[in-house]
Amino acid sequence: MNITFRQLTVFEAVANCLSFTQAAQTLHLSQPAVSMQIKQLEENVGLPLFEKLGRQSYLTEAGREMHHYCRSIAGQLDELEEVLEHIKGIQRGRLDISVASTANYFATRLLAAFSRKYEGTTFSLDVTNRETLLRQLELNEKDLVIMGKPPEERDLEATVFMDNPLVVIAAPGHPLAKEKNLKLEALQEETFVVRESGSGTRIAMQRFFAEHDVQLSTGMEMTSNEAIKQAVEADLGLGIVSIHTLELELEAGRLVVLDIKEFPILRHWYVVQRQGKRLSPVAQAFKDFVINEVI
């Protein structure tokens, strides 16, 4: 096949948005120019890469395979760029990471400390949920991810770097707020505001109470720790969150941590990458920084 890099670049843009018009706008080309590149690529391949149903374009089976290899080629080129940057020195590298929404409470401080040490580095930070983090890792879209323990069956390399205690929170006026050495059974009479299904906190909470044979009553379901804290502050129920999310609320006296014998639920934060992924110099420097310097 006589495929050009320009054809692959145009193809990937169209495949990403499934729109010739949007791809043309992204690449600053005319739509006929994009269509011509795709037509030439299809002629070289000998198979159609897109099919159009109504106004929507879709990848064919050959198109999906082509898209897979395009991402692989793009990843290798990114590695080459980072290697060349390494020759120039870590100080000019760029870090692309994602963190779990709960980790954002300390991730920005981590990045700030790292940036002070390597003043010329730049970074892109994406704060998202667990499902998206795992998808980004699977597609090799990020250098590193900071999250709770990933599934063991995934092809991932995960390293612990910090504890992540989960605690039960309540409004200051809640009847249990001033109690000491509460038993887990006392929580069965309470309503909990919880994270969405699939979140790391929700999974850890369900596993913990199942192991202790305690049934909880769940009320509202929230997609962020901020929403849970606000609901608990409004006395709509109890909540379970990472201690790392509570600094401001505890200082201001807007929330309290309940004194329960079996708590906190001890989890950990992990820095995660694809198994076998070759980290760029700046990504390796950040990983070493997190593992060796975070207390």
Protein backbone atom coordinates (compact mmCIF):
# COMPACT_ATOMS: atom_id res chain seq x y z
CA MET A 1 0.00 0.00 0.00
CA ASN A 2 1.19 3.49 -0.84
CA ILE A 3 -0.30 5.38 2.10
CA THR A 4 0.87 8.88 3.01
CA PHE A 5 1.05 10.36 6.48
CA ARG A 6 -1.21 13.19 5.31
CA GLN A 7 -3.89 10.67 4.34
CA LEU A 8 -3.67 9.05 7.78
CA THR A 9 -3.91 12.45 9.48
CA VAL A 10 -7.04 13.33 7.53
CA PHE A 11 -8.52 9.88 8.08
CA GLU A 12 -8.01 10.04 11.85
CA ALA A 13 -9.68 13.45 12.02
CA VAL A 14 -12.73 12.17 10.14
CA ALA A 15 -12.83 8.95 12.18
CA ASN A 16 -12.68 10.83 15.47
CA CYS A 17 -15.70 13.02 14.75
CA LEU A 18 -17.41 10.94 12.02
CA SER A 19 -18.00 14.12 10.05
CA PHE A 20 -16.17 15.29 6.94
CA THR A 21 -17.29 18.86 7.63
CA GLN A 22 -16.02 18.93 11.23
CA ALA A 23 -12.77 17.24 10.21
CA ALA A 24 -12.24 19.89 7.54
CA GLN A 25 -12.76 22.63 10.13
CA THR A 26 -10.36 20.95 12.58
CA LEU A 27 -7.67 20.58 9.91
CA HIS A 28 -8.32 24.00 8.36
CA LEU A 29 -8.99 22.38 4.98
CA SER A 30 -11.89 22.52 2.57
CA GLN A 31 -14.37 19.66 2.67
CA PRO A 32 -13.55 18.63 -0.94
CA ALA A 33 -9.87 18.39 0.03
CA VAL A 34 -10.76 16.09 2.94
CA SER A 35 -13.01 13.97 0.74
CA MET A 36 -10.23 13.66 -1.86
CA GLN A 37 -7.70 12.45 0.72
CA ILE A 38 -10.16 9.83 2.02
CA LYS A 39 -10.99 8.71 -1.53
CA GLN A 40 -7.29 8.28 -2.35
CA LEU A 41 -6.72 6.37 0.89
CA GLU A 42 -9.63 4.03 0.16
CA GLU A 43 -8.26 3.43 -3.35
CA ASN A 44 -4.85 2.57 -1.86
CA VAL A 45 -6.42 0.24 0.70
CA GLY A 46 -8.84 -1.29 -1.75
CA LEU A 47 -11.74 -1.18 0.71
CA PRO A 48 -14.29 1.44 1.79
CA LEU A 49 -13.42 2.98 5.17
CA PHE A 50 -16.66 4.90 5.73
CA GLU A 51 -20.30 4.31 4.96
CA LYS A 52 -23.00 6.94 5.02
CA LEU A 53 -26.46 6.24 6.39
CA GLY A 54 -28.64 9.29 5.96
CA ARG A 55 -26.53 12.27 6.98
CA GLN A 56 -24.33 10.31 9.40
CA SER A 57 -21.01 8.73 8.49
CA TYR A 58 -19.88 5.47 10.11
CA LEU A 59 -16.65 3.48 10.08
CA THR A 60 -16.71 0.20 8.20
CA GLU A 61 -14.94 -2.85 9.59
CA ALA A 62 -11.86 -1.88 7.56
CA GLY A 63 -12.23 1.67 8.85
CA ARG A 64 -12.23 0.54 12.46
CA GLU A 65 -9.05 -1.46 11.87
CA MET A 66 -7.46 1.52 10.15
CA HIS A 67 -8.44 3.76 13.07
CA HIS A 68 -6.82 1.36 15.54
CA TYR A 69 -3.49 1.43 13.70
CA CYS A 70 -3.68 5.19 13.18
CA ARG A 71 -3.83 5.68 16.95
CA SER A 72 -0.89 3.32 17.36
CA ILE A 73 1.16 5.24 14.79
CA ALA A 74 0.22 8.54 16.43
CA GLY A 75 1.30 7.17 19.81
CA GLN A 76 4.67 6.11 18.45
CA LEU A 77 5.20 9.54 16.91
CA ASP A 78 4.37 11.13 20.26
CA GLU A 79 6.96 8.86 21.90
CA LEU A 80 9.50 9.92 19.29
CA GLU A 81 8.76 13.57 20.03
CA GLU A 82 9.22 12.99 23.75
CA VAL A 83 12.49 11.12 23.20
CA LEU A 84 13.79 14.03 21.16
CA GLU A 85 12.63 16.40 23.90
CA HIS A 86 14.59 14.29 26.35
CA ILE A 87 17.73 15.01 24.35
CA LYS A 88 16.92 18.68 24.94
CA GLY A 89 16.24 18.04 28.63
CA ILE A 90 13.27 17.26 30.90
CA GLN A 91 12.74 20.93 31.52
CA ARG A 92 10.96 21.30 28.17
CA GLY A 93 8.66 18.26 28.41
CA ARG A 94 4.85 18.18 28.49
CA LEU A 95 2.82 15.97 30.87
CA ASP A 96 -0.68 14.74 29.97
CA ILE A 97 -2.47 13.15 32.93
CA SER A 98 -5.97 12.41 34.20
CA VAL A 99 -7.08 12.12 37.82
CA ALA A 100 -10.17 10.82 39.58
CA SER A 101 -12.51 13.62 40.66
CA THR A 102 -11.72 12.96 44.33
CA ALA A 103 -7.98 13.16 43.66
CA ASN A 104 -8.33 16.65 42.22
CA TYR A 105 -8.29 18.01 45.79
CA PHE A 106 -4.56 17.28 46.02
CA ALA A 107 -3.54 16.71 42.37
CA THR A 108 -3.22 20.41 41.58
CA ARG A 109 -0.84 20.85 44.52
CA LEU A 110 1.18 17.88 43.31
CA LEU A 111 1.49 19.41 39.86
CA ALA A 112 2.38 22.79 41.31
CA ALA A 113 5.19 21.25 43.38
CA PHE A 114 6.42 19.28 40.37
CA SER A 115 6.35 22.40 38.18
CA ARG A 116 8.47 24.28 40.71
CA LYS A 117 11.05 21.52 40.53
CA TYR A 118 10.98 21.35 36.70
CA GLU A 119 10.16 24.93 35.83
CA GLY A 120 10.01 24.54 32.06
CA THR A 121 7.49 21.68 32.01
CA THR A 122 3.86 22.12 31.01
CA PHE A 123 0.93 19.84 31.70
CA SER A 124 -2.63 19.02 30.72
CA LEU A 125 -4.92 17.86 33.55
CA ASP A 126 -8.24 16.07 33.01
CA VAL A 127 -10.48 15.50 36.05
CA THR A 128 -13.03 12.78 35.40
CA ASN A 129 -14.77 9.67 36.71
CA ARG A 130 -13.42 6.14 37.12
CA GLU A 131 -15.08 4.76 33.98
CA THR A 132 -13.51 7.44 31.80
CA LEU A 133 -10.10 6.97 33.42
CA LEU A 134 -10.13 3.26 32.58
CA ARG A 135 -11.19 4.02 29.01
CA GLN A 136 -8.41 6.57 28.62
CA LEU A 137 -5.89 4.00 29.83
CA GLU A 138 -7.26 1.36 27.47
CA LEU A 139 -6.95 3.75 24.51
CA ASN A 140 -3.49 4.92 25.66
CA GLU A 141 -4.69 8.51 25.65
CA LYS A 142 -2.85 9.68 28.78
CA ASP A 143 0.70 9.46 30.08
CA LEU A 144 -0.42 8.61 33.61
CA VAL A 145 -3.61 8.39 35.66
CA ILE A 146 -4.14 8.96 39.39
CA MET A 147 -7.03 6.91 40.77
CA GLY A 148 -8.10 4.30 43.30
CA LYS A 149 -7.08 0.69 42.77
CA PRO A 150 -7.82 -0.31 39.14
CA PRO A 151 -9.36 -3.69 38.25
CA GLU A 152 -6.76 -6.46 38.43
CA GLU A 153 -7.88 -8.00 35.14
CA ARG A 154 -6.89 -4.88 33.20
CA ASP A 155 -3.48 -4.72 31.50
CA LEU A 156 -2.25 -1.96 33.81
CA GLU A 157 0.71 -1.14 36.04
CA ALA A 158 -0.40 0.50 39.30
CA THR A 159 1.82 1.81 42.11
CA VAL A 160 0.56 2.90 45.55
CA PHE A 161 1.77 6.32 46.66
CA MET A 162 -0.66 7.59 49.33
CA ASP A 163 -3.40 6.42 51.72
CA ASN A 164 -7.00 7.38 50.93
CA PRO A 165 -9.15 6.97 54.08
CA LEU A 166 -12.93 7.03 53.59
CA VAL A 167 -14.94 8.49 56.46
CA VAL A 168 -18.62 8.96 57.33
CA ILE A 169 -19.71 12.60 57.40
CA ALA A 170 -22.76 14.29 58.90
CA ALA A 171 -24.18 17.74 59.46
CA PRO A 172 -23.05 19.24 62.81
CA GLY A 173 -26.62 19.06 64.15
CA HIS A 174 -27.12 15.38 63.33
CA PRO A 175 -28.06 13.18 66.34
CA LEU A 176 -24.96 11.02 65.84
CA ALA A 177 -22.55 13.95 65.44
CA LYS A 178 -21.42 13.99 69.08
CA GLU A 179 -21.55 10.24 69.74
CA LYS A 180 -18.32 8.31 70.41
CA ASN A 181 -17.31 4.77 69.41
CA LEU A 182 -20.43 4.18 67.35
CA LYS A 183 -21.11 0.65 66.16
CA LEU A 184 -21.76 -0.04 62.50
CA GLU A 185 -25.26 -1.24 63.34
CA ALA A 186 -26.19 2.33 64.29
CA LEU A 187 -25.81 3.31 60.64
CA GLN A 188 -28.56 0.92 59.51
CA GLU A 189 -31.17 3.39 60.77
CA GLU A 190 -29.71 6.23 58.66
CA THR A 191 -30.14 7.30 55.04
CA PHE A 192 -26.98 7.76 52.98
CA VAL A 193 -26.26 10.10 50.08
CA VAL A 194 -23.99 8.08 47.79
CA ARG A 195 -21.83 8.32 44.69
CA GLU A 196 -22.99 6.89 41.37
CA SER A 197 -22.68 3.17 40.63
CA GLY A 198 -19.22 2.31 39.34
CA SER A 199 -17.37 5.01 41.28
CA GLY A 200 -14.42 3.86 43.37
CA THR A 201 -15.94 5.22 46.59
CA ARG A 202 -19.27 3.48 45.95
CA ILE A 203 -17.56 0.15 45.19
CA ALA A 204 -15.42 0.36 48.36
CA MET A 205 -18.44 1.31 50.48
CA GLN A 206 -20.58 -1.56 49.19
CA ARG A 207 -17.78 -4.09 49.65
CA PHE A 208 -17.06 -2.89 53.21
CA PHE A 209 -20.66 -3.08 54.44
CA ALA A 210 -21.28 -6.41 52.70
CA GLU A 211 -18.24 -7.86 54.51
CA HIS A 212 -19.66 -6.62 57.82
CA ASP A 213 -23.20 -7.83 56.98
CA VAL A 214 -24.66 -4.34 57.39
CA GLN A 215 -27.53 -3.11 55.20
CA LEU A 216 -27.62 0.58 54.36
CA SER A 217 -30.50 2.71 53.18
CA THR A 218 -29.42 4.87 50.23
CA GLY A 219 -31.32 7.97 49.28
CA MET A 220 -30.01 10.37 46.67
CA GLU A 221 -27.26 9.39 44.24
CA MET A 222 -24.67 12.05 43.32
CA THR A 223 -21.99 12.25 40.64
CA SER A 224 -19.52 14.34 42.63
CA ASN A 225 -18.12 14.67 46.14
CA GLU A 226 -19.10 18.34 46.22
CA ALA A 227 -22.75 17.41 45.68
CA ILE A 228 -22.57 14.79 48.44
CA LYS A 229 -21.03 17.26 50.89
CA GLN A 230 -23.67 19.89 50.12
CA ALA A 231 -26.48 17.35 50.56
CA VAL A 232 -25.07 16.16 53.88
CA GLU A 233 -24.59 19.74 55.04
CA ALA A 234 -28.28 20.32 54.25
CA ASP A 235 -29.03 17.34 56.56
CA LEU A 236 -30.40 15.15 53.76
CA GLY A 237 -28.49 12.13 55.04
CA LEU A 238 -25.04 10.83 55.88
CA GLY A 239 -22.24 10.49 53.34
CA ILE A 240 -19.00 8.57 52.81
CA VAL A 241 -16.15 10.49 51.20
CA SER A 242 -12.37 10.64 51.15
CA ILE A 243 -10.83 12.58 54.02
CA HIS A 244 -8.87 14.48 51.38
CA THR A 245 -12.05 16.23 50.22
CA LEU A 246 -12.99 17.69 53.62
CA GLU A 247 -10.30 20.19 54.58
CA LEU A 248 -12.36 23.38 54.10
CA GLU A 249 -15.65 22.00 55.47
CA LEU A 250 -14.06 20.65 58.65
CA GLU A 251 -12.17 23.90 59.28
CA ALA A 252 -15.38 25.90 58.81
CA GLY A 253 -17.40 23.53 61.00
CA ARG A 254 -19.92 22.85 58.24
CA LEU A 255 -19.44 19.06 58.44
CA VAL A 256 -18.24 16.58 61.05
CA VAL A 257 -16.64 13.14 60.77
CA LEU A 258 -18.53 10.50 62.76
CA ASP A 259 -16.58 8.47 65.34
CA ILE A 260 -17.24 4.87 64.25
CA LYS A 261 -15.21 1.92 65.53
CA GLU A 262 -14.53 0.22 62.19
CA PHE A 263 -13.78 3.43 60.29
CA PRO A 264 -12.05 4.79 58.31
CA ILE A 265 -12.21 2.45 55.32
CA LEU A 266 -8.57 2.46 54.28
CA ARG A 267 -8.04 2.70 50.54
CA HIS A 268 -5.04 3.93 48.57
CA TRP A 269 -4.20 6.24 45.71
CA TYR A 270 -2.36 4.74 42.75
CA VAL A 271 -0.39 6.20 39.87
CA VAL A 272 -1.37 4.05 36.88
CA GLN A 273 -0.13 3.47 33.34
CA ARG A 274 -0.64 0.95 30.57
CA GLN A 275 1.42 -2.21 31.09
CA GLY A 276 4.59 -1.93 29.01
CA LYS A 277 4.00 1.72 28.13
CA ARG A 278 7.22 3.62 27.48
CA LEU A 279 6.91 6.77 29.56
CA SER A 280 8.28 10.03 28.28
CA PRO A 281 11.11 11.55 30.35
CA VAL A 282 8.78 14.11 31.94
CA ALA A 283 6.12 11.46 32.70
CA GLN A 284 8.75 9.20 34.29
CA ALA A 285 10.05 12.15 36.31
CA PHE A 286 6.50 12.92 37.53
CA LYS A 287 5.85 9.28 38.44
CA ASP A 288 9.13 9.14 40.42
CA PHE A 289 8.25 12.45 42.08
CA VAL A 290 4.81 11.18 43.18
CA ILE A 291 6.10 7.85 44.49
CA ASN A 292 9.22 9.13 46.25
CA GLU A 293 8.24 12.58 47.50
CA VAL A 294 4.56 12.40 48.41
CA ILE A 295 3.97 11.64 52.09
